[in-house]
Amino acid sequence: MKFLVTIFQDEDGMFVAECPSIPGCISQGRTEEEAERNIREAIKVCLEVRAERGMPLTVNVRQVEVAV
């Protein structure tokens, strides 16, 4: 499966990675590469837990346009 992830640097300098299509699926690392490796593992674990609990594996994620 392929997932979009977001990675950003927080105020402490850590890189935080999230998978928007899996609620609560978040990880971090000291570098972007480490955060990406860690979110891959987090995604696997989150999918396993959601499957065990009979929850949908993912939620819909959409792109919307907002006038600014």
N, C-alpha and C. Protein backbone atom coordinates (compact mmCIF):
# COMPACT_ATOMS: atom_id res chain seq x y z
N MET A 1 0.85 -1.18 0.00
CA MET A 1 0.00 0.00 0.00
C MET A 1 0.89 1.24 0.00
N LYS A 2 0.39 2.30 -0.58
CA LYS A 2 1.11 3.57 -0.59
C LYS A 2 0.32 4.59 0.22
N PHE A 3 1.03 5.40 1.00
CA PHE A 3 0.40 6.42 1.83
C PHE A 3 1.14 7.73 1.68
N LEU A 4 0.41 8.82 1.72
CA LEU A 4 1.01 10.14 1.82
C LEU A 4 1.34 10.39 3.28
N VAL A 5 2.49 10.99 3.52
CA VAL A 5 2.87 11.37 4.88
C VAL A 5 3.31 12.83 4.87
N THR A 6 3.17 13.48 6.01
CA THR A 6 3.70 14.83 6.18
C THR A 6 4.88 14.74 7.14
N ILE A 7 5.89 15.54 6.89
CA ILE A 7 7.05 15.60 7.77
C ILE A 7 7.38 17.07 8.00
N PHE A 8 7.48 17.46 9.26
CA PHE A 8 7.84 18.84 9.58
C PHE A 8 8.75 18.84 10.80
N GLN A 9 9.51 19.90 10.95
CA GLN A 9 10.42 20.03 12.09
C GLN A 9 9.72 20.81 13.19
N ASP A 10 9.71 20.25 14.39
CA ASP A 10 9.04 20.93 15.51
C ASP A 10 9.98 21.92 16.19
N GLU A 11 9.48 22.57 17.23
CA GLU A 11 10.24 23.62 17.91
C GLU A 11 11.48 23.10 18.64
N ASP A 12 11.53 21.79 18.88
CA ASP A 12 12.69 21.19 19.54
C ASP A 12 13.71 20.64 18.54
N GLY A 13 13.41 20.79 17.24
CA GLY A 13 14.32 20.32 16.21
C GLY A 13 14.07 18.90 15.73
N MET A 14 13.11 18.21 16.35
CA MET A 14 12.76 16.85 15.91
C MET A 14 11.91 16.93 14.65
N PHE A 15 12.01 15.91 13.81
CA PHE A 15 11.17 15.82 12.63
C PHE A 15 9.98 14.92 12.96
N VAL A 16 8.79 15.46 12.77
CA VAL A 16 7.55 14.77 13.10
C VAL A 16 6.92 14.29 11.80
N ALA A 17 6.55 13.03 11.76
CA ALA A 17 5.93 12.45 10.57
C ALA A 17 4.52 11.97 10.94
N GLU A 18 3.57 12.27 10.07
CA GLU A 18 2.18 11.86 10.28
C GLU A 18 1.63 11.26 9.01
N CYS A 19 0.70 10.34 9.17
CA CYS A 19 -0.01 9.75 8.04
C CYS A 19 -1.47 10.19 8.15
N PRO A 20 -1.87 11.22 7.39
CA PRO A 20 -3.21 11.78 7.53
C PRO A 20 -4.36 10.79 7.31
N SER A 21 -4.14 9.76 6.50
CA SER A 21 -5.23 8.83 6.22
C SER A 21 -5.41 7.77 7.30
N ILE A 22 -4.53 7.76 8.31
CA ILE A 22 -4.68 6.84 9.44
C ILE A 22 -4.68 7.68 10.71
N PRO A 23 -5.86 7.94 11.28
CA PRO A 23 -5.94 8.79 12.47
C PRO A 23 -5.02 8.32 13.59
N GLY A 24 -4.25 9.26 14.15
CA GLY A 24 -3.38 8.96 15.27
C GLY A 24 -2.05 8.34 14.89
N CYS A 25 -1.80 8.14 13.60
CA CYS A 25 -0.55 7.52 13.16
C CYS A 25 0.52 8.59 13.02
N ILE A 26 1.42 8.64 13.98
CA ILE A 26 2.43 9.69 14.06
C ILE A 26 3.72 9.10 14.60
N SER A 27 4.83 9.64 14.15
CA SER A 27 6.14 9.22 14.66
C SER A 27 7.09 10.40 14.54
N GLN A 28 8.35 10.18 14.88
CA GLN A 28 9.32 11.27 14.79
C GLN A 28 10.71 10.69 14.63
N GLY A 29 11.67 11.57 14.38
CA GLY A 29 13.07 11.17 14.27
C GLY A 29 13.97 12.38 14.35
N ARG A 30 15.25 12.13 14.53
CA ARG A 30 16.21 13.23 14.61
C ARG A 30 16.49 13.84 13.24
N THR A 31 16.27 13.05 12.18
CA THR A 31 16.43 13.53 10.80
C THR A 31 15.16 13.21 10.03
N GLU A 32 15.00 13.83 8.85
CA GLU A 32 13.84 13.51 8.01
C GLU A 32 13.85 12.04 7.62
N GLU A 33 15.03 11.52 7.32
CA GLU A 33 15.14 10.12 6.92
C GLU A 33 14.74 9.18 8.05
N GLU A 34 15.16 9.50 9.27
CA GLU A 34 14.79 8.67 10.42
C GLU A 34 13.29 8.76 10.67
N ALA A 35 12.72 9.95 10.54
CA ALA A 35 11.27 10.12 10.72
C ALA A 35 10.51 9.31 9.68
N GLU A 36 11.02 9.29 8.45
CA GLU A 36 10.35 8.52 7.40
C GLU A 36 10.43 7.01 7.69
N ARG A 37 11.59 6.54 8.12
CA ARG A 37 11.70 5.12 8.49
C ARG A 37 10.74 4.79 9.62
N ASN A 38 10.67 5.67 10.61
CA ASN A 38 9.82 5.41 11.78
C ASN A 38 8.35 5.44 11.43
N ILE A 39 7.94 6.34 10.54
CA ILE A 39 6.51 6.39 10.18
C ILE A 39 6.11 5.16 9.38
N ARG A 40 7.03 4.60 8.60
CA ARG A 40 6.73 3.36 7.89
C ARG A 40 6.37 2.25 8.88
N GLU A 41 7.16 2.13 9.95
CA GLU A 41 6.88 1.12 10.97
C GLU A 41 5.57 1.45 11.71
N ALA A 42 5.36 2.73 12.02
CA ALA A 42 4.12 3.13 12.70
C ALA A 42 2.90 2.80 11.85
N ILE A 43 3.00 3.02 10.54
CA ILE A 43 1.88 2.70 9.65
C ILE A 43 1.55 1.22 9.72
N LYS A 44 2.57 0.37 9.67
CA LYS A 44 2.33 -1.08 9.76
C LYS A 44 1.61 -1.44 11.05
N VAL A 45 2.09 -0.88 12.17
CA VAL A 45 1.49 -1.20 13.47
C VAL A 45 0.06 -0.66 13.55
N CYS A 46 -0.14 0.56 13.10
CA CYS A 46 -1.49 1.14 13.13
C CYS A 46 -2.47 0.31 12.30
N LEU A 47 -2.04 -0.13 11.12
CA LEU A 47 -2.92 -0.96 10.28
C LEU A 47 -3.25 -2.28 10.96
N GLU A 48 -2.26 -2.89 11.62
CA GLU A 48 -2.51 -4.14 12.34
C GLU A 48 -3.53 -3.95 13.45
N VAL A 49 -3.36 -2.90 14.23
CA VAL A 49 -4.26 -2.63 15.36
C VAL A 49 -5.67 -2.34 14.84
N ARG A 50 -5.78 -1.52 13.81
CA ARG A 50 -7.10 -1.18 13.26
C ARG A 50 -7.78 -2.44 12.73
N ALA A 51 -7.03 -3.33 12.08
CA ALA A 51 -7.61 -4.58 11.56
C ALA A 51 -8.08 -5.47 12.70
N GLU A 52 -7.25 -5.59 13.75
CA GLU A 52 -7.63 -6.41 14.91
C GLU A 52 -8.91 -5.92 15.56
N ARG A 53 -9.12 -4.61 15.57
CA ARG A 53 -10.29 -4.02 16.22
C ARG A 53 -11.49 -3.90 15.28
N GLY A 54 -11.33 -4.34 14.05
CA GLY A 54 -12.43 -4.26 13.09
C GLY A 54 -12.72 -2.86 12.61
N MET A 55 -11.74 -1.98 12.72
CA MET A 55 -11.91 -0.59 12.29
C MET A 55 -11.52 -0.48 10.82
N PRO A 56 -12.05 0.53 10.12
CA PRO A 56 -11.58 0.76 8.76
C PRO A 56 -10.08 1.05 8.80
N LEU A 57 -9.34 0.55 7.82
CA LEU A 57 -7.90 0.75 7.83
C LEU A 57 -7.51 2.20 7.66
N THR A 58 -8.26 2.92 6.84
CA THR A 58 -7.94 4.32 6.57
C THR A 58 -9.21 5.16 6.56
N VAL A 59 -9.03 6.46 6.55
CA VAL A 59 -10.14 7.39 6.36
C VAL A 59 -9.87 8.17 5.09
N ASN A 60 -10.91 8.77 4.53
CA ASN A 60 -10.75 9.55 3.31
C ASN A 60 -9.98 10.83 3.59
N VAL A 61 -9.06 11.14 2.72
CA VAL A 61 -8.30 12.39 2.80
C VAL A 61 -8.55 13.12 1.49
N ARG A 62 -8.90 14.39 1.59
CA ARG A 62 -9.20 15.17 0.39
C ARG A 62 -8.39 16.45 0.37
N GLN A 63 -8.18 16.93 -0.81
CA GLN A 63 -7.55 18.23 -0.98
C GLN A 63 -8.66 19.22 -1.27
N VAL A 64 -8.67 20.34 -0.54
CA VAL A 64 -9.68 21.38 -0.75
C VAL A 64 -8.97 22.70 -1.05
N GLU A 65 -9.65 23.54 -1.77
CA GLU A 65 -9.11 24.83 -2.11
C GLU A 65 -9.73 25.88 -1.19
N VAL A 66 -8.89 26.75 -0.64
CA VAL A 66 -9.35 27.79 0.26
C VAL A 66 -8.80 29.12 -0.25
N ALA A 67 -9.68 30.09 -0.44
CA ALA A 67 -9.25 31.41 -0.88
C ALA A 67 -8.62 32.15 0.30
N VAL A 68 -7.44 32.70 0.09
CA VAL A 68 -6.74 33.44 1.15
C VAL A 68 -6.42 34.81 0.66
